Amino acid sequence: MRIVVALGGNALLRRGEPMTTEVQRQNVRVACEAIAPLAADHELVITHGNGPQVGLLALQDAAYDPDENAPLDVLGAQTEGMIGYMIEQELGNLLPFEVPFATLLTMVEVDPNDPAFAKPTKFVGPVYEKAESERLASEKKWVFKQDGGKWRRVVPSPVPKRIFEVRPIRWLLDQKTIVICAGGGGIPTMYKPGADRQLVGVEAVVDKDACTELLAREIGADLFVMATDADAVFIDFGKPSQRGIHRANPAELAKLSFPAGSMGPKVEAACQFALATGHTAAIGSLADIAAIARGEKGTLVDRHFTGLTHHASR
């Protein structure tokens, strides 16, 4: 099969962990240990989050020049290289030497008229106490929203329209290469209004799952997996009545409500992929990813399924 795996942010940096290179490398190593078994039998594309890393790089640039706000598109490109390098190295240490890898800087087109630009919602960077967030908002004109008991910067998250590097990604897959691309939702770009096809960067972060879903469709993926810190999609999550969904028809799953900041975008991406392609999308734990590919664990979304079925043990 041709499998696209989107690594959730927890695969790289868990909430509350120090944002050091060594911590990130350790988490990438664990993620690669889970992914490696897929590479033996399947074509593999890996995408990843980058929210904390983008925020950290922005702070580092601000420490160098407090009056300069580093562009988010440039920061996104930096994280694609950094995280892709770690994934290549750690996964390469687990697979035969002959297996080729490629990390591809991936530009994603967005619409300059997307309503998301008027309503920032995407969390990036570390968490702050309220007083510190107010200081940064005043100094840098950043927008902050509450995230649990802390505060985090939010930026626009427009819908991805096109992935410019789809053709080289397809070519690399035809050469049996494991491809790491579209990190952090890709590098946000748009054609400058009023200019003659002049591509420019954008102050935004494209949702990783929305971008990966578009990628999975355009390269003809047989399976689209979103790896997260939950075993499955749950109904009544956190309540005594919670039930894990194992198989779901996308039309039935779309009738349910899930948190906009966490499971909601993943469910939406899974339903869109399943409806558009007739293939399966899956959401589940990174540790279960091999079993998810076999259809044994996680939440599987497919338009050929009827209704919803639940995990017997949940």
Protein backbone atom coordinates (compact mmCIF):
# COMPACT_ATOMS: atom_id res chain seq x y z
CA MET A 1 0.00 0.00 0.00
CA ARG A 2 0.91 3.65 -0.33
CA ILE A 3 0.57 4.98 3.24
CA VAL A 4 0.67 8.60 4.40
CA VAL A 5 1.36 9.06 8.13
CA ALA A 6 0.82 12.39 9.87
CA LEU A 7 2.75 12.56 13.14
CA GLY A 8 0.96 14.58 15.79
CA GLY A 9 2.79 17.19 17.81
CA ASN A 10 3.11 14.77 20.73
CA ALA A 11 5.39 12.63 18.56
CA LEU A 12 7.97 15.42 18.58
CA LEU A 13 7.43 17.43 21.75
CA ARG A 14 4.98 16.61 24.51
CA ARG A 15 3.24 19.35 26.42
CA GLY A 16 5.39 20.63 29.30
CA GLU A 17 8.64 19.11 28.03
CA PRO A 18 11.66 21.38 27.58
CA MET A 19 12.10 22.42 23.95
CA THR A 20 15.63 21.07 23.63
CA THR A 21 17.12 19.30 20.65
CA GLU A 22 17.81 16.17 22.69
CA VAL A 23 14.22 15.89 23.94
CA GLN A 24 12.91 16.27 20.41
CA ARG A 25 15.36 13.70 19.10
CA GLN A 26 14.32 11.18 21.76
CA ASN A 27 10.67 11.63 20.81
CA VAL A 28 11.46 11.31 17.09
CA ARG A 29 13.36 8.09 17.86
CA VAL A 30 10.29 6.62 19.59
CA ALA A 31 8.10 7.67 16.67
CA CYS A 32 10.45 6.07 14.15
CA GLU A 33 10.52 2.81 16.10
CA ALA A 34 6.75 2.64 15.66
CA ILE A 35 6.82 3.59 11.96
CA ALA A 36 9.76 1.41 10.85
CA PRO A 37 7.77 -1.86 10.52
CA LEU A 38 5.55 -0.23 7.84
CA ALA A 39 8.51 0.53 5.59
CA ALA A 40 9.25 -3.13 4.89
CA ASP A 41 6.00 -3.74 3.02
CA HIS A 42 4.60 -0.34 2.01
CA GLU A 43 5.40 2.92 0.27
CA LEU A 44 5.66 5.56 2.97
CA VAL A 45 5.16 9.32 3.22
CA ILE A 46 5.59 11.06 6.58
CA THR A 47 4.34 14.49 7.60
CA HIS A 48 4.67 16.12 11.01
CA GLY A 49 3.62 19.00 13.23
CA ASN A 50 5.85 21.95 14.06
CA GLY A 51 3.88 24.33 16.28
CA PRO A 52 6.25 24.43 19.28
CA GLN A 53 9.32 24.55 17.04
CA VAL A 54 8.04 27.53 15.03
CA GLY A 55 7.30 29.41 18.24
CA LEU A 56 10.74 28.68 19.64
CA LEU A 57 12.48 29.86 16.47
CA ALA A 58 10.42 33.06 16.55
CA LEU A 59 11.62 33.74 20.09
CA GLN A 60 15.22 33.00 19.14
CA ASP A 61 15.02 35.48 16.26
CA ALA A 62 13.43 38.05 18.56
CA ALA A 63 16.32 37.64 21.01
CA TYR A 64 18.72 38.48 18.17
CA ASP A 65 16.71 41.49 16.97
CA PRO A 66 13.74 42.51 19.17
CA ASP A 67 12.36 44.77 16.46
CA GLU A 68 12.25 42.07 13.79
CA ASN A 69 9.37 39.60 13.55
CA ALA A 70 10.62 36.52 11.71
CA PRO A 71 8.22 35.53 8.88
CA LEU A 72 6.23 32.39 9.64
CA ASP A 73 6.80 30.95 6.17
CA VAL A 74 10.58 31.14 6.64
CA LEU A 75 10.32 29.64 10.13
CA GLY A 76 8.16 26.85 8.72
CA ALA A 77 10.81 26.06 6.11
CA GLN A 78 13.46 25.92 8.83
CA THR A 79 11.45 23.45 10.89
CA GLU A 80 10.82 21.22 7.86
CA GLY A 81 14.56 20.86 7.40
CA MET A 82 15.35 20.37 11.09
CA ILE A 83 12.63 17.84 11.87
CA GLY A 84 13.00 16.05 8.53
CA TYR A 85 16.70 15.58 9.24
CA MET A 86 15.94 13.97 12.60
CA ILE A 87 13.30 11.65 11.13
CA GLU A 88 15.62 10.62 8.28
CA GLN A 89 18.46 9.85 10.64
CA GLU A 90 16.49 8.00 13.30
CA LEU A 91 14.42 5.99 10.81
CA GLY A 92 17.55 5.30 8.76
CA ASN A 93 19.21 3.82 11.84
CA LEU A 94 16.41 1.23 11.97
CA LEU A 95 16.08 0.29 8.29
CA PRO A 96 18.48 -1.32 5.80
CA PHE A 97 21.15 0.98 4.43
CA GLU A 98 19.76 0.59 0.90
CA VAL A 99 16.45 2.30 1.76
CA PRO A 100 16.53 5.85 0.31
CA PHE A 101 15.10 8.89 2.14
CA ALA A 102 14.27 12.43 1.06
CA THR A 103 13.07 15.42 3.05
CA LEU A 104 11.32 17.86 0.76
CA LEU A 105 10.64 21.53 1.50
CA THR A 106 6.97 21.78 0.59
CA MET A 107 5.18 24.98 -0.40
CA VAL A 108 1.39 25.11 -0.02
CA GLU A 109 -0.81 27.68 -1.72
CA VAL A 110 -3.54 29.45 0.26
CA ASP A 111 -6.18 31.98 -0.78
CA PRO A 112 -5.40 35.61 0.18
CA ASN A 113 -9.15 36.09 0.72
CA ASP A 114 -9.46 33.13 3.10
CA PRO A 115 -11.60 34.24 6.09
CA ALA A 116 -9.04 32.67 8.44
CA PHE A 117 -6.85 35.76 8.08
CA ALA A 118 -9.45 37.80 9.96
CA LYS A 119 -9.75 35.24 12.76
CA PRO A 120 -6.47 33.68 14.01
CA THR A 121 -7.06 30.29 15.66
CA LYS A 122 -3.93 28.15 15.25
CA PHE A 123 -1.77 27.76 18.36
CA VAL A 124 2.00 28.09 17.86
CA GLY A 125 4.92 28.26 20.24
CA PRO A 126 5.23 27.74 23.99
CA VAL A 127 2.68 28.49 26.71
CA TYR A 128 2.84 31.69 28.78
CA GLU A 129 1.40 33.14 31.93
CA LYS A 130 -1.22 35.80 31.25
CA ALA A 131 1.01 38.77 32.16
CA GLU A 132 3.80 37.61 29.82
CA SER A 133 1.35 37.01 26.98
CA GLU A 134 -0.01 40.55 27.40
CA ARG A 135 3.52 41.98 27.27
CA LEU A 136 4.34 40.09 24.08
CA ALA A 137 1.01 41.05 22.52
CA SER A 138 1.80 44.70 23.16
CA GLU A 139 5.40 44.53 21.96
CA LYS A 140 5.00 42.27 18.92
CA LYS A 141 1.33 42.75 18.04
CA TRP A 142 0.83 39.01 18.41
CA VAL A 143 -2.62 37.58 19.17
CA PHE A 144 -3.00 35.26 22.18
CA LYS A 145 -5.74 32.91 23.32
CA GLN A 146 -6.13 30.78 26.40
CA ASP A 147 -4.91 27.18 26.07
CA GLY A 148 -5.92 25.30 29.20
CA GLY A 149 -4.62 27.26 32.16
CA LYS A 150 -2.00 29.10 30.10
CA TRP A 151 -1.88 31.39 27.08
CA ARG A 152 -0.44 30.76 23.61
CA ARG A 153 0.04 32.74 20.44
CA VAL A 154 -2.52 32.11 17.67
CA VAL A 155 -2.08 32.78 13.95
CA PRO A 156 -4.34 32.41 10.88
CA SER A 157 -4.89 28.88 9.57
CA PRO A 158 -6.16 29.12 5.97
CA VAL A 159 -7.35 26.16 3.93
CA PRO A 160 -4.66 24.56 1.71
CA LYS A 161 -5.46 24.88 -2.01
CA ARG A 162 -2.46 23.31 -3.73
CA ILE A 163 0.78 21.52 -2.88
CA PHE A 164 3.43 22.68 -5.32
CA GLU A 165 5.82 19.74 -4.87
CA VAL A 166 3.32 16.95 -5.62
CA ARG A 167 5.12 15.89 -8.82
CA PRO A 168 8.56 15.37 -7.23
CA ILE A 169 6.89 13.57 -4.31
CA ARG A 170 5.24 11.15 -6.73
CA TRP A 171 8.54 10.65 -8.57
CA LEU A 172 10.40 9.89 -5.34
CA LEU A 173 7.76 7.34 -4.35
CA ASP A 174 8.12 5.66 -7.74
CA GLN A 175 11.84 5.31 -6.89
CA LYS A 176 10.90 3.51 -3.63
CA THR A 177 11.98 6.50 -1.52
CA ILE A 178 10.58 7.23 1.95
CA VAL A 179 9.47 10.86 1.71
CA ILE A 180 9.23 13.34 4.60
CA CYS A 181 7.31 16.40 3.43
CA ALA A 182 4.59 18.97 4.15
CA GLY A 183 5.89 19.40 7.70
CA GLY A 184 3.80 21.69 9.85
CA GLY A 185 1.14 21.90 7.16
CA GLY A 186 3.68 23.01 4.57
CA ILE A 187 5.18 26.43 3.91
CA PRO A 188 2.25 28.86 3.47
CA THR A 189 2.43 30.83 0.22
CA MET A 190 0.10 32.78 -2.04
CA TYR A 191 0.18 34.59 -5.35
CA LYS A 192 0.51 38.29 -4.58
CA PRO A 193 -2.75 40.07 -5.43
CA GLY A 194 -2.35 42.34 -8.45
CA ALA A 195 1.02 40.86 -9.45
CA ASP A 196 1.77 38.59 -12.39
CA ARG A 197 2.11 35.16 -10.75
CA GLN A 198 4.47 36.39 -8.04
CA LEU A 199 4.59 33.81 -5.24
CA VAL A 200 5.14 35.20 -1.75
CA GLY A 201 5.20 33.85 1.80
CA VAL A 202 2.27 34.28 4.20
CA GLU A 203 1.98 34.97 7.93
CA ALA A 204 -0.03 31.83 8.66
CA VAL A 205 0.18 28.16 9.61
CA VAL A 206 -1.77 25.65 7.53
CA ASP A 207 -3.40 22.88 9.57
CA LYS A 208 -1.17 19.80 9.35
CA ASP A 209 -4.02 17.32 9.03
CA ALA A 210 -5.84 19.35 6.36
CA CYS A 211 -2.63 19.66 4.35
CA THR A 212 -1.75 15.98 4.75
CA GLU A 213 -5.25 14.97 3.66
CA LEU A 214 -4.85 17.02 0.47
CA LEU A 215 -1.43 15.44 -0.08
CA ALA A 216 -2.78 11.93 0.50
CA ARG A 217 -5.50 12.51 -2.10
CA GLU A 218 -3.16 13.97 -4.69
CA ILE A 219 -0.57 11.18 -4.51
CA GLY A 220 -3.19 8.41 -4.55
CA ALA A 221 -2.65 7.09 -1.02
CA ASP A 222 -4.33 3.82 -0.10
CA LEU A 223 -4.29 4.65 3.61
CA PHE A 224 -4.09 7.99 5.44
CA VAL A 225 -3.14 7.69 9.12
CA MET A 226 -3.17 10.49 11.70
CA ALA A 227 -1.07 9.38 14.66
CA THR A 228 -1.96 11.06 17.93
CA ASP A 229 -1.86 10.44 21.69
CA ALA A 230 -5.34 8.86 21.76
CA ASP A 231 -6.02 5.20 21.01
CA ALA A 232 -9.03 6.10 18.89
CA VAL A 233 -11.79 8.66 18.40
CA PHE A 234 -14.05 8.54 21.44
CA ILE A 235 -17.68 9.36 22.01
CA ASP A 236 -18.22 11.00 25.44
CA PHE A 237 -14.47 11.28 25.93
CA GLY A 238 -13.46 11.55 29.58
CA LYS A 239 -16.86 10.41 30.87
CA PRO A 240 -17.80 7.02 32.36
CA SER A 241 -19.85 6.42 29.21
CA GLN A 242 -16.93 6.97 26.79
CA ARG A 243 -16.71 4.55 23.87
CA GLY A 244 -13.94 4.20 21.32
CA ILE A 245 -15.06 4.10 17.69
CA HIS A 246 -13.39 1.37 15.65
CA ARG A 247 -15.09 1.58 12.25
CA ALA A 248 -17.10 4.50 10.95
CA ASN A 249 -18.90 5.59 7.84
CA PRO A 250 -17.79 9.21 7.23
CA ALA A 251 -21.34 10.50 6.87
CA GLU A 252 -22.26 9.04 10.27
CA LEU A 253 -19.05 10.23 11.94
CA ALA A 254 -19.56 13.76 10.60
CA LYS A 255 -22.83 14.01 12.53
CA LEU A 256 -20.94 13.88 15.84
CA SER A 257 -19.22 16.80 17.55
CA PHE A 258 -15.53 16.81 18.53
CA PRO A 259 -13.27 19.52 20.04
CA ALA A 260 -12.17 22.07 17.43
CA GLY A 261 -8.66 22.35 18.89
CA SER A 262 -7.81 18.66 18.94
CA MET A 263 -9.86 15.79 17.49
CA GLY A 264 -12.22 17.89 15.37
CA PRO A 265 -9.77 18.68 12.52
CA LYS A 266 -8.59 15.06 12.41
CA VAL A 267 -12.13 13.72 12.11
CA GLU A 268 -12.92 16.28 9.40
CA ALA A 269 -9.78 15.35 7.44
CA ALA A 270 -10.50 11.62 7.79
CA CYS A 271 -14.08 12.02 6.55
CA GLN A 272 -13.00 14.17 3.59
CA PHE A 273 -10.33 11.68 2.48
CA ALA A 274 -12.64 8.67 2.84
CA LEU A 275 -15.48 10.32 0.91
CA ALA A 276 -13.26 11.69 -1.86
CA THR A 277 -11.15 8.60 -2.51
CA GLY A 278 -13.06 5.53 -1.39
CA HIS A 279 -10.00 4.54 0.63
CA THR A 280 -9.50 4.34 4.38
CA ALA A 281 -8.42 7.05 6.78
CA ALA A 282 -7.42 6.20 10.33
CA ILE A 283 -6.87 7.97 13.65
CA GLY A 284 -5.07 6.33 16.54
CA SER A 285 -2.07 5.98 18.78
CA LEU A 286 1.43 6.18 17.32
CA ALA A 287 2.32 3.04 19.29
CA ASP A 288 -0.46 1.14 17.46
CA ILE A 289 0.41 2.32 13.97
CA ALA A 290 1.37 -1.10 12.58
CA ALA A 291 -1.87 -2.59 13.93
CA ILE A 292 -3.82 0.38 12.51
CA ALA A 293 -2.38 -0.36 9.06
CA ARG A 294 -3.64 -3.94 9.47
CA GLY A 295 -7.10 -2.62 10.38
CA GLU A 296 -6.94 -3.97 13.93
CA LYS A 297 -6.75 -0.82 16.05
CA GLY A 298 -7.55 2.89 16.00
CA THR A 299 -10.59 4.46 14.36
CA LEU A 300 -10.97 3.48 10.70
CA VAL A 301 -13.09 5.70 8.46
CA ASP A 302 -14.30 4.33 5.13
CA ARG A 303 -17.35 5.12 3.01
CA HIS A 304 -17.92 1.39 2.51
CA PHE A 305 -18.56 0.88 6.24
CA THR A 306 -22.09 0.96 7.61
CA GLY A 307 -22.81 3.17 10.62
CA LEU A 308 -20.44 3.10 13.60
CA THR A 309 -18.91 0.12 15.43
CA HIS A 310 -17.10 0.37 18.74
CA HIS A 311 -14.05 -1.24 20.29
CA ALA A 312 -15.31 -4.05 22.50
CA SER A 313 -12.85 -3.22 25.28
CA ARG A 314 -13.82 0.47 25.53
